[in-house]
Amino acid sequence: MKQFTIKAEFDPEARVWCGSNDEVPLTTEASTLDELLARATEIGPEIAVMNGLAKSGEEVTFHLTADRVAVYAG
């Protein structure tokens, strides 16, 4: 089993979550974290196989870490 970590950051201007992993390499975006993780697990295994990081049919898991900043200007 291969495991990769997707780092997610919120883009307040576009109002989307952007996720990436430089090792795979994978970059994608979605409006929610659940959608981002679903997208990563949809495209990530194929990208990992294409880059020699996993074998075809091998279990590949993605761990999502998220960072979002709230600013209080009171």
N, C-alpha and C. Protein backbone atom coordinates (compact mmCIF):
# COMPACT_ATOMS: atom_id res chain seq x y z
N MET A 1 0.85 -1.18 0.00
CA MET A 1 0.00 0.00 0.00
C MET A 1 0.89 1.24 0.00
N LYS A 2 0.55 2.19 -0.82
CA LYS A 2 1.23 3.47 -0.89
C LYS A 2 0.34 4.53 -0.26
N GLN A 3 0.94 5.46 0.48
CA GLN A 3 0.18 6.55 1.09
C GLN A 3 0.85 7.87 0.75
N PHE A 4 0.04 8.83 0.35
CA PHE A 4 0.53 10.16 0.02
C PHE A 4 -0.29 11.19 0.78
N THR A 5 0.34 12.28 1.14
CA THR A 5 -0.35 13.37 1.84
C THR A 5 -0.64 14.49 0.87
N ILE A 6 -1.90 14.89 0.84
CA ILE A 6 -2.34 16.02 0.03
C ILE A 6 -2.45 17.23 0.95
N LYS A 7 -1.73 18.28 0.64
CA LYS A 7 -1.79 19.52 1.42
C LYS A 7 -2.85 20.42 0.78
N ALA A 8 -3.85 20.76 1.56
CA ALA A 8 -4.95 21.58 1.05
C ALA A 8 -4.91 22.97 1.69
N GLU A 9 -5.11 23.97 0.86
CA GLU A 9 -5.20 25.35 1.32
C GLU A 9 -6.41 25.99 0.67
N PHE A 10 -7.07 26.86 1.42
CA PHE A 10 -8.26 27.53 0.91
C PHE A 10 -7.85 28.81 0.19
N ASP A 11 -8.38 29.00 -1.01
CA ASP A 11 -8.15 30.22 -1.78
C ASP A 11 -9.38 31.10 -1.61
N PRO A 12 -9.30 32.14 -0.77
CA PRO A 12 -10.49 32.95 -0.48
C PRO A 12 -11.01 33.73 -1.68
N GLU A 13 -10.13 34.11 -2.60
CA GLU A 13 -10.59 34.84 -3.78
C GLU A 13 -11.41 33.95 -4.69
N ALA A 14 -10.93 32.75 -4.96
CA ALA A 14 -11.64 31.81 -5.83
C ALA A 14 -12.70 31.01 -5.07
N ARG A 15 -12.61 31.02 -3.73
CA ARG A 15 -13.52 30.29 -2.85
C ARG A 15 -13.49 28.79 -3.14
N VAL A 16 -12.29 28.26 -3.30
CA VAL A 16 -12.09 26.83 -3.52
C VAL A 16 -10.92 26.33 -2.67
N TRP A 17 -10.92 25.04 -2.43
CA TRP A 17 -9.80 24.36 -1.80
C TRP A 17 -8.86 23.89 -2.90
N CYS A 18 -7.57 24.16 -2.73
CA CYS A 18 -6.55 23.72 -3.67
C CYS A 18 -5.70 22.68 -2.96
N GLY A 19 -5.53 21.52 -3.57
CA GLY A 19 -4.76 20.45 -2.96
C GLY A 19 -3.62 20.03 -3.86
N SER A 20 -2.48 19.71 -3.23
CA SER A 20 -1.34 19.28 -4.03
C SER A 20 -0.43 18.34 -3.26
N ASN A 21 0.31 17.57 -4.05
CA ASN A 21 1.36 16.70 -3.54
C ASN A 21 2.45 16.69 -4.61
N ASP A 22 3.63 17.18 -4.24
CA ASP A 22 4.72 17.29 -5.21
C ASP A 22 5.30 15.94 -5.60
N GLU A 23 5.23 14.96 -4.71
CA GLU A 23 5.82 13.65 -4.99
C GLU A 23 5.07 12.92 -6.10
N VAL A 24 3.73 13.00 -6.11
CA VAL A 24 2.94 12.17 -7.04
C VAL A 24 3.18 12.55 -8.51
N PRO A 25 3.18 13.68 -9.06
CA PRO A 25 2.70 14.99 -8.64
C PRO A 25 1.21 15.15 -8.93
N LEU A 26 0.54 15.83 -8.03
CA LEU A 26 -0.91 15.99 -8.16
C LEU A 26 -1.29 17.38 -7.69
N THR A 27 -2.11 18.05 -8.46
CA THR A 27 -2.69 19.33 -8.08
C THR A 27 -4.12 19.34 -8.58
N THR A 28 -5.04 19.70 -7.68
CA THR A 28 -6.45 19.76 -8.07
C THR A 28 -7.17 20.73 -7.14
N GLU A 29 -8.41 21.06 -7.46
CA GLU A 29 -9.19 21.96 -6.61
C GLU A 29 -10.65 21.53 -6.58
N ALA A 30 -11.33 21.98 -5.52
CA ALA A 30 -12.76 21.66 -5.36
C ALA A 30 -13.36 22.64 -4.37
N SER A 31 -14.68 22.70 -4.34
CA SER A 31 -15.35 23.67 -3.46
C SER A 31 -15.42 23.21 -2.00
N THR A 32 -15.27 21.91 -1.74
CA THR A 32 -15.27 21.41 -0.36
C THR A 32 -14.10 20.45 -0.17
N LEU A 33 -13.75 20.21 1.09
CA LEU A 33 -12.68 19.26 1.37
C LEU A 33 -13.07 17.85 0.96
N ASP A 34 -14.33 17.48 1.18
CA ASP A 34 -14.78 16.14 0.77
C ASP A 34 -14.64 15.96 -0.74
N GLU A 35 -15.02 16.98 -1.51
CA GLU A 35 -14.89 16.91 -2.96
C GLU A 35 -13.41 16.87 -3.38
N LEU A 36 -12.58 17.60 -2.64
CA LEU A 36 -11.14 17.60 -2.94
C LEU A 36 -10.54 16.21 -2.72
N LEU A 37 -10.89 15.59 -1.61
CA LEU A 37 -10.38 14.24 -1.34
C LEU A 37 -10.91 13.24 -2.36
N ALA A 38 -12.17 13.36 -2.73
CA ALA A 38 -12.74 12.47 -3.74
C ALA A 38 -12.02 12.64 -5.08
N ARG A 39 -11.71 13.86 -5.44
CA ARG A 39 -11.01 14.13 -6.70
C ARG A 39 -9.59 13.55 -6.66
N ALA A 40 -8.91 13.73 -5.52
CA ALA A 40 -7.54 13.21 -5.37
C ALA A 40 -7.53 11.69 -5.48
N THR A 41 -8.50 11.02 -4.86
CA THR A 41 -8.53 9.56 -4.92
C THR A 41 -8.99 9.06 -6.28
N GLU A 42 -9.64 9.92 -7.05
CA GLU A 42 -10.06 9.55 -8.41
C GLU A 42 -8.87 9.59 -9.38
N ILE A 43 -8.09 10.65 -9.31
CA ILE A 43 -7.01 10.83 -10.29
C ILE A 43 -5.64 10.44 -9.76
N GLY A 44 -5.45 10.46 -8.45
CA GLY A 44 -4.15 10.23 -7.85
C GLY A 44 -3.52 8.87 -8.12
N PRO A 45 -4.27 7.77 -7.97
CA PRO A 45 -3.64 6.46 -8.22
C PRO A 45 -3.09 6.31 -9.63
N GLU A 46 -3.81 6.79 -10.61
CA GLU A 46 -3.33 6.69 -12.00
C GLU A 46 -2.06 7.52 -12.19
N ILE A 47 -2.03 8.71 -11.59
CA ILE A 47 -0.84 9.55 -11.70
C ILE A 47 0.34 8.88 -11.00
N ALA A 48 0.10 8.25 -9.84
CA ALA A 48 1.16 7.56 -9.11
C ALA A 48 1.72 6.41 -9.95
N VAL A 49 0.86 5.66 -10.62
CA VAL A 49 1.31 4.56 -11.47
C VAL A 49 2.11 5.11 -12.65
N MET A 50 1.62 6.17 -13.28
CA MET A 50 2.31 6.76 -14.44
C MET A 50 3.71 7.26 -14.07
N ASN A 51 3.90 7.65 -12.81
CA ASN A 51 5.19 8.17 -12.36
C ASN A 51 6.03 7.13 -11.64
N GLY A 52 5.61 5.86 -11.69
CA GLY A 52 6.40 4.78 -11.12
C GLY A 52 6.39 4.73 -9.60
N LEU A 53 5.41 5.37 -8.96
CA LEU A 53 5.34 5.39 -7.50
C LEU A 53 4.44 4.31 -6.94
N ALA A 54 3.67 3.67 -7.78
CA ALA A 54 2.79 2.57 -7.38
C ALA A 54 2.63 1.64 -8.56
N LYS A 55 2.27 0.41 -8.26
CA LYS A 55 2.01 -0.57 -9.31
C LYS A 55 0.53 -0.56 -9.66
N SER A 56 0.22 -0.89 -10.88
CA SER A 56 -1.18 -0.97 -11.30
C SER A 56 -1.93 -1.95 -10.41
N GLY A 57 -3.05 -1.52 -9.87
CA GLY A 57 -3.87 -2.36 -9.00
C GLY A 57 -3.47 -2.29 -7.53
N GLU A 58 -2.35 -1.66 -7.24
CA GLU A 58 -1.90 -1.53 -5.84
C GLU A 58 -2.79 -0.53 -5.09
N GLU A 59 -3.04 -0.81 -3.82
CA GLU A 59 -3.84 0.10 -3.01
C GLU A 59 -3.05 1.38 -2.77
N VAL A 60 -3.69 2.51 -3.04
CA VAL A 60 -3.08 3.82 -2.84
C VAL A 60 -4.04 4.63 -1.98
N THR A 61 -3.52 5.19 -0.89
CA THR A 61 -4.36 6.01 -0.01
C THR A 61 -3.83 7.44 0.02
N PHE A 62 -4.75 8.35 0.30
CA PHE A 62 -4.41 9.76 0.38
C PHE A 62 -4.85 10.31 1.73
N HIS A 63 -3.92 10.99 2.38
CA HIS A 63 -4.16 11.64 3.66
C HIS A 63 -4.26 13.13 3.36
N LEU A 64 -5.35 13.76 3.80
CA LEU A 64 -5.57 15.17 3.50
C LEU A 64 -5.28 16.01 4.74
N THR A 65 -4.42 17.00 4.59
CA THR A 65 -4.19 17.98 5.65
C THR A 65 -4.66 19.33 5.12
N ALA A 66 -5.36 20.08 5.96
CA ALA A 66 -5.95 21.34 5.51
C ALA A 66 -5.46 22.51 6.35
N ASP A 67 -5.33 23.65 5.70
CA ASP A 67 -4.92 24.88 6.36
C ASP A 67 -5.81 26.00 5.86
N ARG A 68 -6.46 26.66 6.83
CA ARG A 68 -7.31 27.79 6.47
C ARG A 68 -7.15 28.86 7.55
N VAL A 69 -7.00 30.08 7.15
CA VAL A 69 -6.75 31.17 8.09
C VAL A 69 -7.98 32.04 8.19
N ALA A 70 -8.34 32.40 9.43
CA ALA A 70 -9.42 33.35 9.67
C ALA A 70 -8.78 34.61 10.23
N VAL A 71 -9.19 35.74 9.73
CA VAL A 71 -8.63 37.03 10.17
C VAL A 71 -9.72 37.82 10.87
N TYR A 72 -9.39 38.29 12.07
CA TYR A 72 -10.30 39.16 12.81
C TYR A 72 -9.71 40.55 12.81
N ALA A 73 -10.46 41.50 12.30
CA ALA A 73 -9.96 42.87 12.20
C ALA A 73 -10.81 43.80 13.07
N GLY A 74 -11.12 43.36 14.28
CA GLY A 74 -12.02 44.13 15.16
C GLY A 74 -11.30 45.03 16.02
